[in-house]
Amino acid sequence: LASTICLDETMVCQKAFNKMKNSAQKSSEAYQKYLGKYVGDFIHKSLPELQLPNPVKTTYFVRPGVPIVLSANEAIKKNLKMQCCTLITA
């Protein structure tokens, strides 16, 4: 009985892992297709003199621009504490 439970748990874990792996691979392929190939072709057609680096198989695409980090001051921290307390008591 214990071996069948362990086998069932293993099968469930394998199915969950494969589902996550497959969806990650699909999203990686979509990134390569749209952000790699299509955008690269568009840039090459628009600016043929521009030398683009060789494409790299990665999903590490970020939005361009300067990231803005908002640091929390005492008023924000106090407000968050008050909201947290009201959520817990509600």
PDB file of N, CA and C in Angstrom:
ATOM      1  N   LEU A   1       0.826  -1.203   0.000  1.00  0.00           N
ATOM      2  CA  LEU A   1       0.000   0.000   0.000  1.00  0.00           C
ATOM      3  C   LEU A   1       0.867   1.263   0.000  1.00  0.00           C
ATOM      4  N   ALA A   2       1.917   1.232   0.798  1.00  0.00           N
ATOM      5  CA  ALA A   2       2.793   2.398   0.876  1.00  0.00           C
ATOM      6  C   ALA A   2       3.506   2.637  -0.441  1.00  0.00           C
ATOM      7  N   SER A   3       3.856   1.551  -1.148  1.00  0.00           N
ATOM      8  CA  SER A   3       4.561   1.707  -2.423  1.00  0.00           C
ATOM      9  C   SER A   3       3.648   2.298  -3.489  1.00  0.00           C
ATOM     10  N   THR A   4       2.350   1.960  -3.459  1.00  0.00           N
ATOM     11  CA  THR A   4       1.432   2.525  -4.450  1.00  0.00           C
ATOM     12  C   THR A   4       1.191   4.004  -4.176  1.00  0.00           C
ATOM     13  N   ILE A   5       1.157   4.400  -2.904  1.00  0.00           N
ATOM     14  CA  ILE A   5       0.990   5.816  -2.572  1.00  0.00           C
ATOM     15  C   ILE A   5       2.221   6.585  -3.027  1.00  0.00           C
ATOM     16  N   CYS A   6       3.387   6.018  -2.769  1.00  0.00           N
ATOM     17  CA  CYS A   6       4.624   6.667  -3.170  1.00  0.00           C
ATOM     18  C   CYS A   6       4.700   6.775  -4.698  1.00  0.00           C
ATOM     19  N   LEU A   7       4.255   5.714  -5.377  1.00  0.00           N
ATOM     20  CA  LEU A   7       4.248   5.724  -6.838  1.00  0.00           C
ATOM     21  C   LEU A   7       3.288   6.780  -7.366  1.00  0.00           C
ATOM     22  N   ASP A   8       2.112   6.885  -6.752  1.00  0.00           N
ATOM     23  CA  ASP A   8       1.142   7.901  -7.162  1.00  0.00           C
ATOM     24  C   ASP A   8       1.703   9.309  -6.960  1.00  0.00           C
ATOM     25  N   GLU A   9       2.344   9.536  -5.817  1.00  0.00           N
ATOM     26  CA  GLU A   9       2.926  10.846  -5.552  1.00  0.00           C
ATOM     27  C   GLU A   9       4.025  11.161  -6.562  1.00  0.00           C
ATOM     28  N   THR A  10       4.815  10.156  -6.914  1.00  0.00           N
ATOM     29  CA  THR A  10       5.887  10.349  -7.888  1.00  0.00           C
ATOM     30  C   THR A  10       5.304  10.713  -9.248  1.00  0.00           C
ATOM     31  N   MET A  11       4.245  10.030  -9.642  1.00  0.00           N
ATOM     32  CA  MET A  11       3.621  10.313 -10.936  1.00  0.00           C
ATOM     33  C   MET A  11       3.037  11.719 -10.958  1.00  0.00           C
ATOM     34  N   VAL A  12       2.426  12.132  -9.864  1.00  0.00           N
ATOM     35  CA  VAL A  12       1.849  13.488  -9.790  1.00  0.00           C
ATOM     36  C   VAL A  12       2.958  14.524  -9.868  1.00  0.00           C
ATOM     37  N   CYS A  13       4.051  14.277  -9.152  1.00  0.00           N
ATOM     38  CA  CYS A  13       5.175  15.224  -9.179  1.00  0.00           C
ATOM     39  C   CYS A  13       5.794  15.298 -10.570  1.00  0.00           C
ATOM     40  N   GLN A  14       5.921  14.147 -11.227  1.00  0.00           N
ATOM     41  CA  GLN A  14       6.484  14.132 -12.573  1.00  0.00           C
ATOM     42  C   GLN A  14       5.586  14.896 -13.540  1.00  0.00           C
ATOM     43  N   LYS A  15       4.290  14.697 -13.414  1.00  0.00           N
ATOM     44  CA  LYS A  15       3.358  15.396 -14.302  1.00  0.00           C
ATOM     45  C   LYS A  15       3.425  16.906 -14.078  1.00  0.00           C
ATOM     46  N   ALA A  16       3.474  17.319 -12.813  1.00  0.00           N
ATOM     47  CA  ALA A  16       3.560  18.753 -12.508  1.00  0.00           C
ATOM     48  C   ALA A  16       4.872  19.329 -13.032  1.00  0.00           C
ATOM     49  N   PHE A  17       5.976  18.618 -12.830  1.00  0.00           N
ATOM     50  CA  PHE A  17       7.271  19.089 -13.308  1.00  0.00           C
ATOM     51  C   PHE A  17       7.275  19.221 -14.821  1.00  0.00           C
ATOM     52  N   ASN A  18       6.777  18.199 -15.511  1.00  0.00           N
ATOM     53  CA  ASN A  18       6.746  18.241 -16.973  1.00  0.00           C
ATOM     54  C   ASN A  18       5.867  19.373 -17.481  1.00  0.00           C
ATOM     55  N   LYS A  19       4.757  19.621 -16.796  1.00  0.00           N
ATOM     56  CA  LYS A  19       3.868  20.699 -17.217  1.00  0.00           C
ATOM     57  C   LYS A  19       4.574  22.051 -17.090  1.00  0.00           C
ATOM     58  N   MET A  20       5.283  22.244 -15.975  1.00  0.00           N
ATOM     59  CA  MET A  20       6.013  23.502 -15.792  1.00  0.00           C
ATOM     60  C   MET A  20       7.158  23.617 -16.787  1.00  0.00           C
ATOM     61  N   LYS A  21       7.846  22.506 -17.026  1.00  0.00           N
ATOM     62  CA  LYS A  21       8.973  22.509 -17.956  1.00  0.00           C
ATOM     63  C   LYS A  21       8.504  22.817 -19.369  1.00  0.00           C
ATOM     64  N   ASN A  22       7.407  22.179 -19.774  1.00  0.00           N
ATOM     65  CA  ASN A  22       6.896  22.398 -21.129  1.00  0.00           C
ATOM     66  C   ASN A  22       6.416  23.827 -21.319  1.00  0.00           C
ATOM     67  N   SER A  23       5.745  24.389 -20.320  1.00  0.00           N
ATOM     68  CA  SER A  23       5.266  25.763 -20.466  1.00  0.00           C
ATOM     69  C   SER A  23       6.446  26.730 -20.488  1.00  0.00           C
ATOM     70  N   ALA A  24       7.500  26.425 -19.733  1.00  0.00           N
ATOM     71  CA  ALA A  24       8.693  27.279 -19.760  1.00  0.00           C
ATOM     72  C   ALA A  24       9.376  27.199 -21.124  1.00  0.00           C
ATOM     73  N   GLN A  25       9.418  26.012 -21.702  1.00  0.00           N
ATOM     74  CA  GLN A  25      10.026  25.869 -23.027  1.00  0.00           C
ATOM     75  C   GLN A  25       9.214  26.599 -24.090  1.00  0.00           C
ATOM     76  N   LYS A  26       7.885  26.514 -23.977  1.00  0.00           N
ATOM     77  CA  LYS A  26       7.032  27.222 -24.941  1.00  0.00           C
ATOM     78  C   LYS A  26       7.224  28.733 -24.838  1.00  0.00           C
ATOM     79  N   SER A  27       7.291  29.247 -23.621  1.00  0.00           N
ATOM     80  CA  SER A  27       7.476  30.690 -23.479  1.00  0.00           C
ATOM     81  C   SER A  27       8.861  31.099 -23.959  1.00  0.00           C
ATOM     82  N   SER A  28       9.855  30.257 -23.737  1.00  0.00           N
ATOM     83  CA  SER A  28      11.204  30.541 -24.222  1.00  0.00           C
ATOM     84  C   SER A  28      11.223  30.602 -25.744  1.00  0.00           C
ATOM     85  N   GLU A  29      10.542  29.661 -26.384  1.00  0.00           N
ATOM     86  CA  GLU A  29      10.472  29.665 -27.843  1.00  0.00           C
ATOM     87  C   GLU A  29       9.738  30.896 -28.353  1.00  0.00           C
ATOM     88  N   ALA A  30       8.696  31.320 -27.636  1.00  0.00           N
ATOM     89  CA  ALA A  30       7.955  32.524 -28.042  1.00  0.00           C
ATOM     90  C   ALA A  30       8.840  33.765 -27.917  1.00  0.00           C
ATOM     91  N   TYR A  31       9.606  33.855 -26.834  1.00  0.00           N
ATOM     92  CA  TYR A  31      10.542  34.973 -26.687  1.00  0.00           C
ATOM     93  C   TYR A  31      11.535  34.989 -27.841  1.00  0.00           C
ATOM     94  N   GLN A  32      12.095  33.827 -28.166  1.00  0.00           N
ATOM     95  CA  GLN A  32      13.071  33.752 -29.248  1.00  0.00           C
ATOM     96  C   GLN A  32      12.440  34.167 -30.574  1.00  0.00           C
ATOM     97  N   LYS A  33      11.215  33.718 -30.781  1.00  0.00           N
ATOM     98  CA  LYS A  33      10.541  33.987 -32.050  1.00  0.00           C
ATOM     99  C   LYS A  33      10.212  35.470 -32.201  1.00  0.00           C
ATOM    100  N   TYR A  34       9.557  36.031 -31.195  1.00  0.00           N
ATOM    101  CA  TYR A  34       9.071  37.398 -31.335  1.00  0.00           C
ATOM    102  C   TYR A  34      10.125  38.445 -30.986  1.00  0.00           C
ATOM    103  N   LEU A  35      10.798  38.272 -29.856  1.00  0.00           N
ATOM    104  CA  LEU A  35      11.769  39.288 -29.447  1.00  0.00           C
ATOM    105  C   LEU A  35      13.116  39.081 -30.111  1.00  0.00           C
ATOM    106  N   GLY A  36      13.388  37.893 -30.578  1.00  0.00           N
ATOM    107  CA  GLY A  36      14.660  37.630 -31.228  1.00  0.00           C
ATOM    108  C   GLY A  36      14.572  37.785 -32.727  1.00  0.00           C
ATOM    109  N   LYS A  37      13.819  36.917 -33.359  1.00  0.00           N
ATOM    110  CA  LYS A  37      13.779  36.880 -34.819  1.00  0.00           C
ATOM    111  C   LYS A  37      13.015  38.061 -35.423  1.00  0.00           C
ATOM    112  N   TYR A  38      11.758  38.244 -35.013  1.00  0.00           N
ATOM    113  CA  TYR A  38      10.940  39.272 -35.643  1.00  0.00           C
ATOM    114  C   TYR A  38      11.482  40.685 -35.394  1.00  0.00           C
ATOM    115  N   VAL A  39      11.859  40.966 -34.162  1.00  0.00           N
ATOM    116  CA  VAL A  39      12.378  42.294 -33.851  1.00  0.00           C
ATOM    117  C   VAL A  39      13.730  42.489 -34.529  1.00  0.00           C
ATOM    118  N   GLY A  40      14.553  41.436 -34.560  1.00  0.00           N
ATOM    119  CA  GLY A  40      15.846  41.527 -35.237  1.00  0.00           C
ATOM    120  C   GLY A  40      15.688  41.794 -36.719  1.00  0.00           C
ATOM    121  N   ASP A  41      14.748  41.102 -37.353  1.00  0.00           N
ATOM    122  CA  ASP A  41      14.490  41.336 -38.780  1.00  0.00           C
ATOM    123  C   ASP A  41      13.970  42.748 -39.025  1.00  0.00           C
ATOM    124  N   PHE A  42      13.091  43.214 -38.141  1.00  0.00           N
ATOM    125  CA  PHE A  42      12.542  44.569 -38.277  1.00  0.00           C
ATOM    126  C   PHE A  42      13.654  45.611 -38.169  1.00  0.00           C
ATOM    127  N   ILE A  43      14.531  45.432 -37.189  1.00  0.00           N
ATOM    128  CA  ILE A  43      15.643  46.375 -37.010  1.00  0.00           C
ATOM    129  C   ILE A  43      16.572  46.322 -38.212  1.00  0.00           C
ATOM    130  N   HIS A  44      16.852  45.127 -38.706  1.00  0.00           N
ATOM    131  CA  HIS A  44      17.759  44.995 -39.850  1.00  0.00           C
ATOM    132  C   HIS A  44      17.173  45.655 -41.102  1.00  0.00           C
ATOM    133  N   LYS A  45      15.857  45.540 -41.289  1.00  0.00           N
ATOM    134  CA  LYS A  45      15.224  46.197 -42.439  1.00  0.00           C
ATOM    135  C   LYS A  45      15.211  47.715 -42.277  1.00  0.00           C
ATOM    136  N   SER A  46      15.001  48.186 -41.063  1.00  0.00           N
ATOM    137  CA  SER A  46      14.940  49.625 -40.816  1.00  0.00           C
ATOM    138  C   SER A  46      16.314  50.267 -40.869  1.00  0.00           C
ATOM    139  N   LEU A  47      17.291  49.591 -40.301  1.00  0.00           N
ATOM    140  CA  LEU A  47      18.648  50.130 -40.222  1.00  0.00           C
ATOM    141  C   LEU A  47      19.641  49.087 -40.734  1.00  0.00           C
ATOM    142  N   PRO A  48      19.758  48.940 -42.051  1.00  0.00           N
ATOM    143  CA  PRO A  48      20.634  47.894 -42.579  1.00  0.00           C
ATOM    144  C   PRO A  48      22.108  48.105 -42.245  1.00  0.00           C
ATOM    145  N   GLU A  49      22.511  49.339 -41.970  1.00  0.00           N
ATOM    146  CA  GLU A  49      23.921  49.596 -41.653  1.00  0.00           C
ATOM    147  C   GLU A  49      24.278  49.211 -40.218  1.00  0.00           C
ATOM    148  N   LEU A  50      23.278  48.993 -39.382  1.00  0.00           N
ATOM    149  CA  LEU A  50      23.518  48.638 -37.991  1.00  0.00           C
ATOM    150  C   LEU A  50      23.982  47.191 -37.882  1.00  0.00           C
ATOM    151  N   GLN A  51      25.087  46.970 -37.197  1.00  0.00           N
ATOM    152  CA  GLN A  51      25.609  45.624 -36.979  1.00  0.00           C
ATOM    153  C   GLN A  51      25.059  45.101 -35.663  1.00  0.00           C
ATOM    154  N   LEU A  52      24.194  44.087 -35.749  1.00  0.00           N
ATOM    155  CA  LEU A  52      23.615  43.499 -34.550  1.00  0.00           C
ATOM    156  C   LEU A  52      24.505  42.363 -34.050  1.00  0.00           C
ATOM    157  N   PRO A  53      24.576  42.171 -32.738  1.00  0.00           N
ATOM    158  CA  PRO A  53      25.329  41.037 -32.222  1.00  0.00           C
ATOM    159  C   PRO A  53      24.601  39.732 -32.547  1.00  0.00           C
ATOM    160  N   ASN A  54      25.329  38.642 -32.502  1.00  0.00           N
ATOM    161  CA  ASN A  54      24.707  37.342 -32.758  1.00  0.00           C
ATOM    162  C   ASN A  54      23.650  37.061 -31.701  1.00  0.00           C
ATOM    163  N   PRO A  55      22.515  36.501 -32.110  1.00  0.00           N
ATOM    164  CA  PRO A  55      21.465  36.216 -31.131  1.00  0.00           C
ATOM    165  C   PRO A  55      21.904  35.126 -30.147  1.00  0.00           C
ATOM    166  N   VAL A  56      21.426  35.252 -28.931  1.00  0.00           N
ATOM    167  CA  VAL A  56      21.750  34.300 -27.872  1.00  0.00           C
ATOM    168  C   VAL A  56      20.457  33.632 -27.437  1.00  0.00           C
ATOM    169  N   LYS A  57      20.494  32.324 -27.243  1.00  0.00           N
ATOM    170  CA  LYS A  57      19.299  31.616 -26.786  1.00  0.00           C
ATOM    171  C   LYS A  57      19.123  31.854 -25.302  1.00  0.00           C
ATOM    172  N   THR A  58      18.280  32.805 -24.983  1.00  0.00           N
ATOM    173  CA  THR A  58      18.013  33.124 -23.590  1.00  0.00           C
ATOM    174  C   THR A  58      16.618  33.712 -23.471  1.00  0.00           C
ATOM    175  N   THR A  59      16.075  33.670 -22.286  1.00  0.00           N
ATOM    176  CA  THR A  59      14.782  34.304 -22.036  1.00  0.00           C
ATOM    177  C   THR A  59      14.963  35.539 -21.175  1.00  0.00           C
ATOM    178  N   TYR A  60      16.189  36.022 -21.078  1.00  0.00           N
ATOM    179  CA  TYR A  60      16.464  37.172 -20.239  1.00  0.00           C
ATOM    180  C   TYR A  60      16.271  38.452 -21.054  1.00  0.00           C
ATOM    181  N   PHE A  61      15.013  38.815 -21.270  1.00  0.00           N
ATOM    182  CA  PHE A  61      14.669  40.055 -21.938  1.00  0.00           C
ATOM    183  C   PHE A  61      14.058  40.977 -20.899  1.00  0.00           C
ATOM    184  N   VAL A  62      14.514  42.188 -20.842  1.00  0.00           N
ATOM    185  CA  VAL A  62      13.969  43.158 -19.905  1.00  0.00           C
ATOM    186  C   VAL A  62      13.526  44.389 -20.674  1.00  0.00           C
ATOM    187  N   ARG A  63      12.662  45.139 -20.078  1.00  0.00           N
ATOM    188  CA  ARG A  63      12.218  46.378 -20.715  1.00  0.00           C
ATOM    189  C   ARG A  63      13.363  47.369 -20.723  1.00  0.00           C
ATOM    190  N   PRO A  64      13.509  48.101 -21.817  1.00  0.00           N
ATOM    191  CA  PRO A  64      14.591  49.081 -21.870  1.00  0.00           C
ATOM    192  C   PRO A  64      14.265  50.296 -21.011  1.00  0.00           C
ATOM    193  N   GLY A  65      15.293  50.986 -20.640  1.00  0.00           N
ATOM    194  CA  GLY A  65      15.111  52.210 -19.866  1.00  0.00           C
ATOM    195  C   GLY A  65      15.773  52.095 -18.510  1.00  0.00           C
ATOM    196  N   VAL A  66      15.694  53.170 -17.793  1.00  0.00           N
ATOM    197  CA  VAL A  66      16.302  53.224 -16.477  1.00  0.00           C
ATOM    198  C   VAL A  66      15.275  52.777 -15.447  1.00  0.00           C
ATOM    199  N   PRO A  67      15.593  51.753 -14.658  1.00  0.00           N
ATOM    200  CA  PRO A  67      14.629  51.336 -13.626  1.00  0.00           C
ATOM    201  C   PRO A  67      14.554  52.380 -12.516  1.00  0.00           C
ATOM    202  N   ILE A  68      13.367  52.609 -12.033  1.00  0.00           N
ATOM    203  CA  ILE A  68      13.150  53.577 -10.954  1.00  0.00           C
ATOM    204  C   ILE A  68      12.784  52.791  -9.704  1.00  0.00           C
ATOM    205  N   VAL A  69      13.592  52.936  -8.687  1.00  0.00           N
ATOM    206  CA  VAL A  69      13.351  52.233  -7.429  1.00  0.00           C
ATOM    207  C   VAL A  69      12.794  53.237  -6.435  1.00  0.00           C
ATOM    208  N   LEU A  70      11.635  52.923  -5.898  1.00  0.00           N
ATOM    209  CA  LEU A  70      11.011  53.804  -4.917  1.00  0.00           C
ATOM    210  C   LEU A  70      11.348  53.284  -3.529  1.00  0.00           C
ATOM    211  N   SER A  71      12.068  54.080  -2.770  1.00  0.00           N
ATOM    212  CA  SER A  71      12.416  53.646  -1.419  1.00  0.00           C
ATOM    213  C   SER A  71      11.299  54.046  -0.469  1.00  0.00           C
ATOM    214  N   ALA A  72      11.060  53.177   0.502  1.00  0.00           N
ATOM    215  CA  ALA A  72       9.971  53.411   1.448  1.00  0.00           C
ATOM    216  C   ALA A  72      10.457  54.308   2.576  1.00  0.00           C
ATOM    217  N   ASN A  73       9.675  55.335   2.892  1.00  0.00           N
ATOM    218  CA  ASN A  73       9.990  56.188   4.037  1.00  0.00           C
ATOM    219  C   ASN A  73       9.117  55.773   5.214  1.00  0.00           C
ATOM    220  N   GLU A  74       9.224  56.472   6.307  1.00  0.00           N
ATOM    221  CA  GLU A  74       8.496  56.091   7.530  1.00  0.00           C
ATOM    222  C   GLU A  74       6.978  56.166   7.354  1.00  0.00           C
ATOM    223  N   ALA A  75       6.489  57.139   6.586  1.00  0.00           N
ATOM    224  CA  ALA A  75       5.042  57.275   6.386  1.00  0.00           C
ATOM    225  C   ALA A  75       4.494  56.064   5.632  1.00  0.00           C
ATOM    226  N   ILE A  76       5.232  55.595   4.624  1.00  0.00           N
ATOM    227  CA  ILE A  76       4.776  54.434   3.857  1.00  0.00           C
ATOM    228  C   ILE A  76       4.798  53.184   4.734  1.00  0.00           C
ATOM    229  N   LYS A  77       5.877  53.015   5.498  1.00  0.00           N
ATOM    230  CA  LYS A  77       5.974  51.850   6.388  1.00  0.00           C
ATOM    231  C   LYS A  77       4.842  51.835   7.405  1.00  0.00           C
ATOM    232  N   LYS A  78       4.521  53.004   7.963  1.00  0.00           N
ATOM    233  CA  LYS A  78       3.432  53.095   8.943  1.00  0.00           C
ATOM    234  C   LYS A  78       2.099  52.750   8.290  1.00  0.00           C
ATOM    235  N   ASN A  79       1.874  53.238   7.060  1.00  0.00           N
ATOM    236  CA  ASN A  79       0.642  52.965   6.331  1.00  0.00           C
ATOM    237  C   ASN A  79       0.514  51.466   6.043  1.00  0.00           C
ATOM    238  N   LEU A  80       1.609  50.836   5.644  1.00  0.00           N
ATOM    239  CA  LEU A  80       1.578  49.398   5.351  1.00  0.00           C
ATOM    240  C   LEU A  80       1.286  48.591   6.608  1.00  0.00           C
ATOM    241  N   LYS A  81       1.860  48.998   7.744  1.00  0.00           N
ATOM    242  CA  LYS A  81       1.587  48.297   9.001  1.00  0.00           C
ATOM    243  C   LYS A  81       0.113  48.402   9.362  1.00  0.00           C
ATOM    244  N   MET A  82      -0.470  49.606   9.168  1.00  0.00           N
ATOM    245  CA  MET A  82      -1.888  49.797   9.482  1.00  0.00           C
ATOM    246  C   MET A  82      -2.758  48.946   8.566  1.00  0.00           C
ATOM    247  N   GLN A  83      -2.431  48.876   7.272  1.00  0.00           N
ATOM    248  CA  GLN A  83      -3.203  48.064   6.342  1.00  0.00           C
ATOM    249  C   GLN A  83      -3.092  46.597   6.692  1.00  0.00           C
ATOM    250  N   CYS A  84      -1.898  46.164   7.057  1.00  0.00           N
ATOM    251  CA  CYS A  84      -1.690  44.770   7.427  1.00  0.00           C
ATOM    252  C   CYS A  84      -2.512  44.404   8.647  1.00  0.00           C
ATOM    253  N   CYS A  85      -2.525  45.271   9.643  1.00  0.00           N
ATOM    254  CA  CYS A  85      -3.293  44.996  10.871  1.00  0.00           C
ATOM    255  C   CYS A  85      -4.783  44.941  10.574  1.00  0.00           C
ATOM    256  N   THR A  86      -5.291  45.802   9.706  1.00  0.00           N
ATOM    257  CA  THR A  86      -6.727  45.781   9.388  1.00  0.00           C
ATOM    258  C   THR A  86      -7.075  44.546   8.589  1.00  0.00           C
ATOM    259  N   LEU A  87      -6.168  44.057   7.756  1.00  0.00           N
ATOM    260  CA  LEU A  87      -6.443  42.828   6.990  1.00  0.00           C
ATOM    261  C   LEU A  87      -6.479  41.620   7.915  1.00  0.00           C
ATOM    262  N   ILE A  88      -5.599  41.597   8.898  1.00  0.00           N
ATOM    263  CA  ILE A  88      -5.553  40.446   9.817  1.00  0.00           C
ATOM    264  C   ILE A  88      -6.778  40.419  10.692  1.00  0.00           C
ATOM    265  N   THR A  89      -7.234  41.565  11.177  1.00  0.00           N
ATOM    266  CA  THR A  89      -8.393  41.612  12.082  1.00  0.00           C
ATOM    267  C   THR A  89      -9.708  41.483  11.321  1.00  0.00           C
ATOM    268  N   ALA A  90      -9.722  41.737  10.042  1.00  0.00           N
ATOM    269  CA  ALA A  90     -10.970  41.678   9.270  1.00  0.00           C
ATOM    270  C   ALA A  90     -11.411  40.259   9.003  1.00  0.00           C
TER     271      ALA A  90
END
